Amino acid sequence: MWPIYLQSLAGGALIGLAAALYLLVDGRIAGAVGIFAGALRGPSPGFWRNLAFLAGLILGPVLYRAVFGAFPAVRIDASLGALALAGLVVGFGARLGSGCTSGHGVCGLARLSRRSIVAVATFMATAIATVALMNAAGIP
């Protein structure tokens, strides 16, 4: 089994490679929320490209298992209701911010986009404030 930092390094390198290839080959930013929304709109220009990108996201853990012999360890302590609410809030925020962490954080920062720098700073400040409030309230 590879050390966890090598697994993380490989994952980060593959995300960067995929984002760079998507931009070079298709001229588009690899923002998962925009790609997912495009796939939900149904047959339209780029529909199959969006579907192929999402299939790659789904097949990623399968490839991980083939390489490392087991699926990544995941531990979720939240209830299904809390996860659903969190998903809705994140989805709303991504639509409000015209992108998600993959589009702004991976692609936008690499292009030194001012809008993405502000978006990522907002994501991070919100995350830090949320963790601080949860810790102060004693919520695990």
N, C-alpha and C. Protein backbone atom coordinates (compact mmCIF):
# COMPACT_ATOMS: atom_id res chain seq x y z
N MET A 1 0.85 -1.19 0.00
CA MET A 1 0.00 0.00 0.00
C MET A 1 0.88 1.24 0.00
N TRP A 2 0.54 2.19 -0.80
CA TRP A 2 1.29 3.44 -0.88
C TRP A 2 1.01 4.30 0.34
N PRO A 3 1.99 5.11 0.77
CA PRO A 3 1.72 6.06 1.86
C PRO A 3 0.63 7.04 1.43
N ILE A 4 -0.16 7.48 2.39
CA ILE A 4 -1.31 8.34 2.11
C ILE A 4 -0.90 9.62 1.37
N TYR A 5 0.27 10.17 1.68
CA TYR A 5 0.66 11.40 1.00
C TYR A 5 0.93 11.16 -0.48
N LEU A 6 1.39 9.96 -0.85
CA LEU A 6 1.59 9.67 -2.27
C LEU A 6 0.25 9.51 -3.00
N GLN A 7 -0.73 8.94 -2.31
CA GLN A 7 -2.06 8.82 -2.89
C GLN A 7 -2.65 10.22 -3.12
N SER A 8 -2.48 11.10 -2.15
CA SER A 8 -2.98 12.47 -2.27
C SER A 8 -2.26 13.22 -3.37
N LEU A 9 -0.95 13.03 -3.45
CA LEU A 9 -0.15 13.67 -4.50
C LEU A 9 -0.60 13.20 -5.88
N ALA A 10 -0.80 11.90 -6.02
CA ALA A 10 -1.26 11.35 -7.31
C ALA A 10 -2.64 11.89 -7.66
N GLY A 11 -3.54 11.95 -6.67
CA GLY A 11 -4.88 12.47 -6.93
C GLY A 11 -4.85 13.94 -7.35
N GLY A 12 -4.05 14.74 -6.65
CA GLY A 12 -3.94 16.15 -7.01
C GLY A 12 -3.34 16.34 -8.39
N ALA A 13 -2.32 15.55 -8.72
CA ALA A 13 -1.71 15.64 -10.05
C ALA A 13 -2.70 15.25 -11.14
N LEU A 14 -3.52 14.24 -10.89
CA LEU A 14 -4.51 13.82 -11.88
C LEU A 14 -5.61 14.87 -12.06
N ILE A 15 -6.01 15.52 -10.97
CA ILE A 15 -7.00 16.60 -11.08
C ILE A 15 -6.43 17.75 -11.90
N GLY A 16 -5.20 18.13 -11.61
CA GLY A 16 -4.55 19.20 -12.39
C GLY A 16 -4.40 18.83 -13.85
N LEU A 17 -3.99 17.60 -14.12
CA LEU A 17 -3.84 17.14 -15.51
C LEU A 17 -5.18 17.15 -16.23
N ALA A 18 -6.23 16.65 -15.56
CA ALA A 18 -7.55 16.63 -16.18
C ALA A 18 -8.05 18.04 -16.48
N ALA A 19 -7.86 18.97 -15.55
CA ALA A 19 -8.29 20.35 -15.75
C ALA A 19 -7.52 21.00 -16.90
N ALA A 20 -6.21 20.75 -16.95
CA ALA A 20 -5.38 21.32 -18.03
C ALA A 20 -5.78 20.73 -19.38
N LEU A 21 -5.99 19.43 -19.44
CA LEU A 21 -6.39 18.80 -20.71
C LEU A 21 -7.76 19.30 -21.17
N TYR A 22 -8.68 19.44 -20.23
CA TYR A 22 -10.02 19.92 -20.57
C TYR A 22 -9.94 21.32 -21.17
N LEU A 23 -9.08 22.16 -20.61
CA LEU A 23 -8.91 23.52 -21.12
C LEU A 23 -8.20 23.50 -22.48
N LEU A 24 -7.13 22.71 -22.59
CA LEU A 24 -6.37 22.67 -23.84
C LEU A 24 -7.14 22.03 -24.98
N VAL A 25 -7.82 20.93 -24.71
CA VAL A 25 -8.52 20.19 -25.76
C VAL A 25 -9.84 20.84 -26.14
N ASP A 26 -10.58 21.30 -25.12
CA ASP A 26 -11.93 21.80 -25.38
C ASP A 26 -12.08 23.30 -25.18
N GLY A 27 -11.08 23.94 -24.59
CA GLY A 27 -11.16 25.38 -24.36
C GLY A 27 -12.15 25.76 -23.28
N ARG A 28 -12.48 24.81 -22.40
CA ARG A 28 -13.47 25.07 -21.35
C ARG A 28 -12.86 24.86 -19.98
N ILE A 29 -13.43 25.52 -18.98
CA ILE A 29 -13.00 25.39 -17.60
C ILE A 29 -13.66 24.14 -17.01
N ALA A 30 -12.90 23.35 -16.28
CA ALA A 30 -13.40 22.11 -15.68
C ALA A 30 -14.06 22.40 -14.34
N GLY A 31 -15.19 23.04 -14.36
CA GLY A 31 -15.97 23.30 -13.15
C GLY A 31 -17.07 22.25 -13.04
N ALA A 32 -17.02 21.44 -11.99
CA ALA A 32 -17.93 20.31 -11.87
C ALA A 32 -19.40 20.73 -11.83
N VAL A 33 -19.71 21.82 -11.16
CA VAL A 33 -21.12 22.25 -11.07
C VAL A 33 -21.65 22.66 -12.45
N GLY A 34 -20.87 23.40 -13.20
CA GLY A 34 -21.31 23.79 -14.55
C GLY A 34 -21.44 22.59 -15.47
N ILE A 35 -20.53 21.65 -15.35
CA ILE A 35 -20.59 20.43 -16.16
C ILE A 35 -21.82 19.61 -15.78
N PHE A 36 -22.06 19.47 -14.48
CA PHE A 36 -23.23 18.73 -14.01
C PHE A 36 -24.53 19.39 -14.48
N ALA A 37 -24.60 20.71 -14.36
CA ALA A 37 -25.79 21.44 -14.81
C ALA A 37 -25.98 21.26 -16.31
N GLY A 38 -24.90 21.28 -17.08
CA GLY A 38 -25.00 21.06 -18.52
C GLY A 38 -25.51 19.68 -18.86
N ALA A 39 -25.12 18.68 -18.09
CA ALA A 39 -25.60 17.32 -18.32
C ALA A 39 -27.08 17.20 -17.97
N LEU A 40 -27.54 17.93 -16.95
CA LEU A 40 -28.96 17.88 -16.56
C LEU A 40 -29.87 18.53 -17.58
N ARG A 41 -29.34 19.47 -18.37
CA ARG A 41 -30.16 20.16 -19.37
C ARG A 41 -30.57 19.24 -20.51
N GLY A 42 -29.93 18.09 -20.61
CA GLY A 42 -30.27 17.14 -21.66
C GLY A 42 -29.53 17.44 -22.95
N PRO A 43 -29.91 16.73 -24.01
CA PRO A 43 -29.19 16.87 -25.28
C PRO A 43 -29.08 18.32 -25.74
N SER A 44 -27.85 18.77 -25.84
CA SER A 44 -27.52 20.12 -26.29
C SER A 44 -26.05 20.09 -26.66
N PRO A 45 -25.53 21.17 -27.24
CA PRO A 45 -24.09 21.16 -27.53
C PRO A 45 -23.29 20.91 -26.24
N GLY A 46 -22.40 19.97 -26.29
CA GLY A 46 -21.57 19.66 -25.14
C GLY A 46 -22.16 18.63 -24.20
N PHE A 47 -23.36 18.14 -24.48
CA PHE A 47 -24.02 17.18 -23.59
C PHE A 47 -23.18 15.93 -23.39
N TRP A 48 -22.69 15.33 -24.47
CA TRP A 48 -21.92 14.08 -24.37
C TRP A 48 -20.57 14.32 -23.70
N ARG A 49 -19.99 15.47 -23.93
CA ARG A 49 -18.73 15.82 -23.27
C ARG A 49 -18.96 15.91 -21.76
N ASN A 50 -20.05 16.57 -21.37
CA ASN A 50 -20.38 16.70 -19.95
C ASN A 50 -20.63 15.33 -19.33
N LEU A 51 -21.36 14.48 -20.04
CA LEU A 51 -21.66 13.14 -19.55
C LEU A 51 -20.38 12.32 -19.40
N ALA A 52 -19.47 12.43 -20.35
CA ALA A 52 -18.20 11.71 -20.28
C ALA A 52 -17.37 12.18 -19.09
N PHE A 53 -17.36 13.49 -18.83
CA PHE A 53 -16.63 14.04 -17.69
C PHE A 53 -17.20 13.48 -16.39
N LEU A 54 -18.53 13.46 -16.26
CA LEU A 54 -19.17 12.95 -15.05
C LEU A 54 -18.91 11.45 -14.89
N ALA A 55 -18.91 10.72 -15.99
CA ALA A 55 -18.60 9.28 -15.93
C ALA A 55 -17.19 9.07 -15.39
N GLY A 56 -16.27 9.94 -15.79
CA GLY A 56 -14.90 9.85 -15.28
C GLY A 56 -14.85 10.09 -13.78
N LEU A 57 -15.67 11.01 -13.28
CA LEU A 57 -15.71 11.26 -11.83
C LEU A 57 -16.24 10.03 -11.09
N ILE A 58 -17.23 9.38 -11.68
CA ILE A 58 -17.82 8.20 -11.04
C ILE A 58 -16.86 7.01 -11.11
N LEU A 59 -16.12 6.89 -12.21
CA LEU A 59 -15.20 5.77 -12.36
C LEU A 59 -13.88 5.97 -11.62
N GLY A 60 -13.62 7.16 -11.11
CA GLY A 60 -12.39 7.42 -10.37
C GLY A 60 -12.16 6.46 -9.21
N PRO A 61 -13.16 6.28 -8.34
CA PRO A 61 -12.95 5.33 -7.23
C PRO A 61 -12.73 3.89 -7.71
N VAL A 62 -13.31 3.53 -8.84
CA VAL A 62 -13.10 2.18 -9.39
C VAL A 62 -11.63 2.03 -9.80
N LEU A 63 -11.08 3.05 -10.44
CA LEU A 63 -9.67 3.04 -10.80
C LEU A 63 -8.79 3.02 -9.54
N TYR A 64 -9.16 3.79 -8.54
CA TYR A 64 -8.44 3.80 -7.27
C TYR A 64 -8.37 2.39 -6.68
N ARG A 65 -9.52 1.71 -6.70
CA ARG A 65 -9.55 0.34 -6.17
C ARG A 65 -8.65 -0.59 -6.97
N ALA A 66 -8.65 -0.43 -8.29
CA ALA A 66 -7.79 -1.28 -9.12
C ALA A 66 -6.31 -1.06 -8.80
N VAL A 67 -5.94 0.19 -8.51
CA VAL A 67 -4.53 0.50 -8.24
C VAL A 67 -4.14 0.16 -6.80
N PHE A 68 -4.99 0.51 -5.83
CA PHE A 68 -4.62 0.38 -4.42
C PHE A 68 -5.23 -0.83 -3.72
N GLY A 69 -6.11 -1.57 -4.39
CA GLY A 69 -6.66 -2.79 -3.82
C GLY A 69 -7.88 -2.62 -2.94
N ALA A 70 -8.30 -1.40 -2.69
CA ALA A 70 -9.49 -1.14 -1.86
C ALA A 70 -10.02 0.25 -2.20
N PHE A 71 -11.29 0.46 -1.91
CA PHE A 71 -11.85 1.78 -2.10
C PHE A 71 -11.28 2.73 -1.05
N PRO A 72 -11.24 4.03 -1.34
CA PRO A 72 -10.74 4.98 -0.33
C PRO A 72 -11.57 4.89 0.95
N ALA A 73 -10.92 5.04 2.07
CA ALA A 73 -11.62 5.02 3.35
C ALA A 73 -12.43 6.30 3.49
N VAL A 74 -13.71 6.15 3.78
CA VAL A 74 -14.59 7.30 3.95
C VAL A 74 -15.37 7.10 5.24
N ARG A 75 -15.41 8.13 6.05
CA ARG A 75 -16.17 8.07 7.31
C ARG A 75 -17.08 9.28 7.36
N ILE A 76 -18.37 9.03 7.41
CA ILE A 76 -19.35 10.11 7.46
C ILE A 76 -20.17 9.94 8.73
N ASP A 77 -20.10 10.93 9.61
CA ASP A 77 -20.82 10.86 10.88
C ASP A 77 -22.13 11.63 10.86
N ALA A 78 -22.39 12.38 9.81
CA ALA A 78 -23.60 13.21 9.74
C ALA A 78 -24.81 12.38 9.31
N SER A 79 -25.98 12.86 9.68
CA SER A 79 -27.22 12.18 9.29
C SER A 79 -27.51 12.45 7.81
N LEU A 80 -28.39 11.65 7.26
CA LEU A 80 -28.78 11.83 5.86
C LEU A 80 -29.42 13.20 5.65
N GLY A 81 -30.22 13.65 6.61
CA GLY A 81 -30.85 14.97 6.52
C GLY A 81 -29.82 16.09 6.51
N ALA A 82 -28.81 15.98 7.37
CA ALA A 82 -27.75 17.00 7.41
C ALA A 82 -26.97 17.01 6.11
N LEU A 83 -26.70 15.83 5.57
CA LEU A 83 -25.98 15.76 4.28
C LEU A 83 -26.80 16.37 3.15
N ALA A 84 -28.10 16.09 3.14
CA ALA A 84 -28.97 16.65 2.11
C ALA A 84 -29.01 18.18 2.20
N LEU A 85 -29.16 18.69 3.42
CA LEU A 85 -29.17 20.14 3.63
C LEU A 85 -27.84 20.75 3.21
N ALA A 86 -26.74 20.12 3.58
CA ALA A 86 -25.42 20.62 3.20
C ALA A 86 -25.27 20.64 1.68
N GLY A 87 -25.74 19.60 1.02
CA GLY A 87 -25.67 19.55 -0.44
C GLY A 87 -26.45 20.67 -1.09
N LEU A 88 -27.64 20.95 -0.56
CA LEU A 88 -28.46 22.04 -1.11
C LEU A 88 -27.78 23.39 -0.90
N VAL A 89 -27.21 23.61 0.28
CA VAL A 89 -26.54 24.88 0.57
C VAL A 89 -25.32 25.05 -0.33
N VAL A 90 -24.54 23.99 -0.49
CA VAL A 90 -23.36 24.06 -1.36
C VAL A 90 -23.78 24.30 -2.81
N GLY A 91 -24.81 23.60 -3.26
CA GLY A 91 -25.30 23.80 -4.62
C GLY A 91 -25.79 25.22 -4.85
N PHE A 92 -26.52 25.76 -3.87
CA PHE A 92 -26.99 27.15 -3.97
C PHE A 92 -25.81 28.10 -4.03
N GLY A 93 -24.82 27.88 -3.16
CA GLY A 93 -23.64 28.74 -3.14
C GLY A 93 -22.85 28.68 -4.43
N ALA A 94 -22.76 27.49 -5.00
CA ALA A 94 -22.03 27.35 -6.27
C ALA A 94 -22.75 28.08 -7.39
N ARG A 95 -24.05 28.01 -7.40
CA ARG A 95 -24.81 28.73 -8.44
C ARG A 95 -24.72 30.24 -8.19
N LEU A 96 -24.82 30.65 -6.94
CA LEU A 96 -24.73 32.06 -6.58
C LEU A 96 -23.35 32.63 -6.93
N GLY A 97 -22.31 31.83 -6.70
CA GLY A 97 -20.93 32.26 -6.96
C GLY A 97 -20.47 32.01 -8.38
N SER A 98 -21.38 31.58 -9.23
CA SER A 98 -21.06 31.28 -10.64
C SER A 98 -19.91 30.29 -10.76
N GLY A 99 -19.92 29.29 -9.91
CA GLY A 99 -18.91 28.25 -9.99
C GLY A 99 -18.65 27.62 -8.64
N CYS A 100 -17.91 26.54 -8.68
CA CYS A 100 -17.63 25.78 -7.48
C CYS A 100 -16.13 25.78 -7.20
N THR A 101 -15.73 25.01 -6.21
CA THR A 101 -14.32 24.98 -5.84
C THR A 101 -13.45 24.42 -6.95
N SER A 102 -13.98 23.52 -7.76
CA SER A 102 -13.15 22.99 -8.85
C SER A 102 -12.94 24.05 -9.93
N GLY A 103 -13.99 24.75 -10.30
CA GLY A 103 -13.85 25.77 -11.33
C GLY A 103 -13.04 26.96 -10.87
N HIS A 104 -13.39 27.48 -9.68
CA HIS A 104 -12.68 28.66 -9.16
C HIS A 104 -11.34 28.28 -8.54
N GLY A 105 -11.34 27.25 -7.69
CA GLY A 105 -10.15 26.90 -6.93
C GLY A 105 -9.04 26.28 -7.75
N VAL A 106 -9.39 25.36 -8.64
CA VAL A 106 -8.36 24.68 -9.44
C VAL A 106 -8.05 25.48 -10.70
N CYS A 107 -9.08 25.81 -11.45
CA CYS A 107 -8.86 26.45 -12.75
C CYS A 107 -8.72 27.97 -12.65
N GLY A 108 -9.59 28.59 -11.88
CA GLY A 108 -9.58 30.06 -11.79
C GLY A 108 -8.33 30.61 -11.15
N LEU A 109 -7.90 30.00 -10.05
CA LEU A 109 -6.68 30.47 -9.39
C LEU A 109 -5.46 30.27 -10.28
N ALA A 110 -5.43 29.17 -11.01
CA ALA A 110 -4.30 28.91 -11.90
C ALA A 110 -4.22 29.95 -13.01
N ARG A 111 -5.38 30.51 -13.38
CA ARG A 111 -5.41 31.55 -14.43
C ARG A 111 -5.32 32.95 -13.83
N LEU A 112 -5.17 33.03 -12.51
CA LEU A 112 -5.11 34.30 -11.77
C LEU A 112 -6.34 35.17 -12.00
N SER A 113 -7.50 34.52 -12.09
CA SER A 113 -8.77 35.22 -12.27
C SER A 113 -9.12 35.96 -10.98
N ARG A 114 -9.36 37.26 -11.07
CA ARG A 114 -9.73 38.05 -9.89
C ARG A 114 -11.03 37.54 -9.28
N ARG A 115 -11.98 37.23 -10.14
CA ARG A 115 -13.27 36.72 -9.65
C ARG A 115 -13.08 35.42 -8.87
N SER A 116 -12.19 34.55 -9.35
CA SER A 116 -11.94 33.29 -8.66
C SER A 116 -11.18 33.49 -7.36
N ILE A 117 -10.29 34.45 -7.33
CA ILE A 117 -9.56 34.74 -6.09
C ILE A 117 -10.55 35.20 -5.02
N VAL A 118 -11.49 36.06 -5.38
CA VAL A 118 -12.51 36.51 -4.43
C VAL A 118 -13.40 35.34 -4.02
N ALA A 119 -13.79 34.51 -4.98
CA ALA A 119 -14.66 33.37 -4.68
C ALA A 119 -13.96 32.40 -3.72
N VAL A 120 -12.72 32.07 -3.98
CA VAL A 120 -12.00 31.13 -3.11
C VAL A 120 -11.78 31.74 -1.73
N ALA A 121 -11.48 33.02 -1.67
CA ALA A 121 -11.34 33.67 -0.36
C ALA A 121 -12.66 33.60 0.41
N THR A 122 -13.76 33.76 -0.29
CA THR A 122 -15.08 33.66 0.35
C THR A 122 -15.35 32.24 0.80
N PHE A 123 -15.05 31.23 -0.04
CA PHE A 123 -15.21 29.82 0.35
C PHE A 123 -14.43 29.54 1.63
N MET A 124 -13.17 29.95 1.63
CA MET A 124 -12.29 29.64 2.75
C MET A 124 -12.73 30.37 4.03
N ALA A 125 -13.09 31.64 3.91
CA ALA A 125 -13.54 32.40 5.08
C ALA A 125 -14.81 31.78 5.67
N THR A 126 -15.71 31.38 4.80
CA THR A 126 -16.95 30.75 5.26
C THR A 126 -16.66 29.42 5.93
N ALA A 127 -15.76 28.63 5.35
CA ALA A 127 -15.41 27.33 5.94
C ALA A 127 -14.76 27.52 7.31
N ILE A 128 -13.85 28.46 7.41
CA ILE A 128 -13.17 28.72 8.68
C ILE A 128 -14.17 29.19 9.73
N ALA A 129 -15.06 30.08 9.36
CA ALA A 129 -16.07 30.58 10.31
C ALA A 129 -17.02 29.45 10.74
N THR A 130 -17.40 28.59 9.81
CA THR A 130 -18.30 27.48 10.13
C THR A 130 -17.64 26.53 11.11
N VAL A 131 -16.40 26.16 10.87
CA VAL A 131 -15.68 25.25 11.78
C VAL A 131 -15.51 25.90 13.15
N ALA A 132 -15.17 27.18 13.18
CA ALA A 132 -14.99 27.87 14.46
C ALA A 132 -16.31 27.90 15.25
N LEU A 133 -17.42 28.18 14.55
CA LEU A 133 -18.72 28.21 15.23
C LEU A 133 -19.12 26.83 15.73
N MET A 134 -18.89 25.81 14.91
CA MET A 134 -19.24 24.45 15.32
C MET A 134 -18.39 24.00 16.50
N ASN A 135 -17.11 24.33 16.48
CA ASN A 135 -16.25 23.98 17.61
C ASN A 135 -16.68 24.71 18.88
N ALA A 136 -17.04 25.99 18.75
CA ALA A 136 -17.50 26.76 19.91
C ALA A 136 -18.80 26.20 20.47
N ALA A 137 -19.65 25.67 19.59
CA ALA A 137 -20.93 25.11 20.03
C ALA A 137 -20.79 23.66 20.49
N GLY A 138 -19.59 23.08 20.31
CA GLY A 138 -19.38 21.69 20.73
C GLY A 138 -19.95 20.67 19.77
N ILE A 139 -20.20 21.08 18.54
CA ILE A 139 -20.75 20.17 17.53
C ILE A 139 -19.57 19.47 16.85
N PRO A 140 -19.56 18.13 16.88
CA PRO A 140 -18.42 17.42 16.27
C PRO A 140 -18.40 17.51 14.76
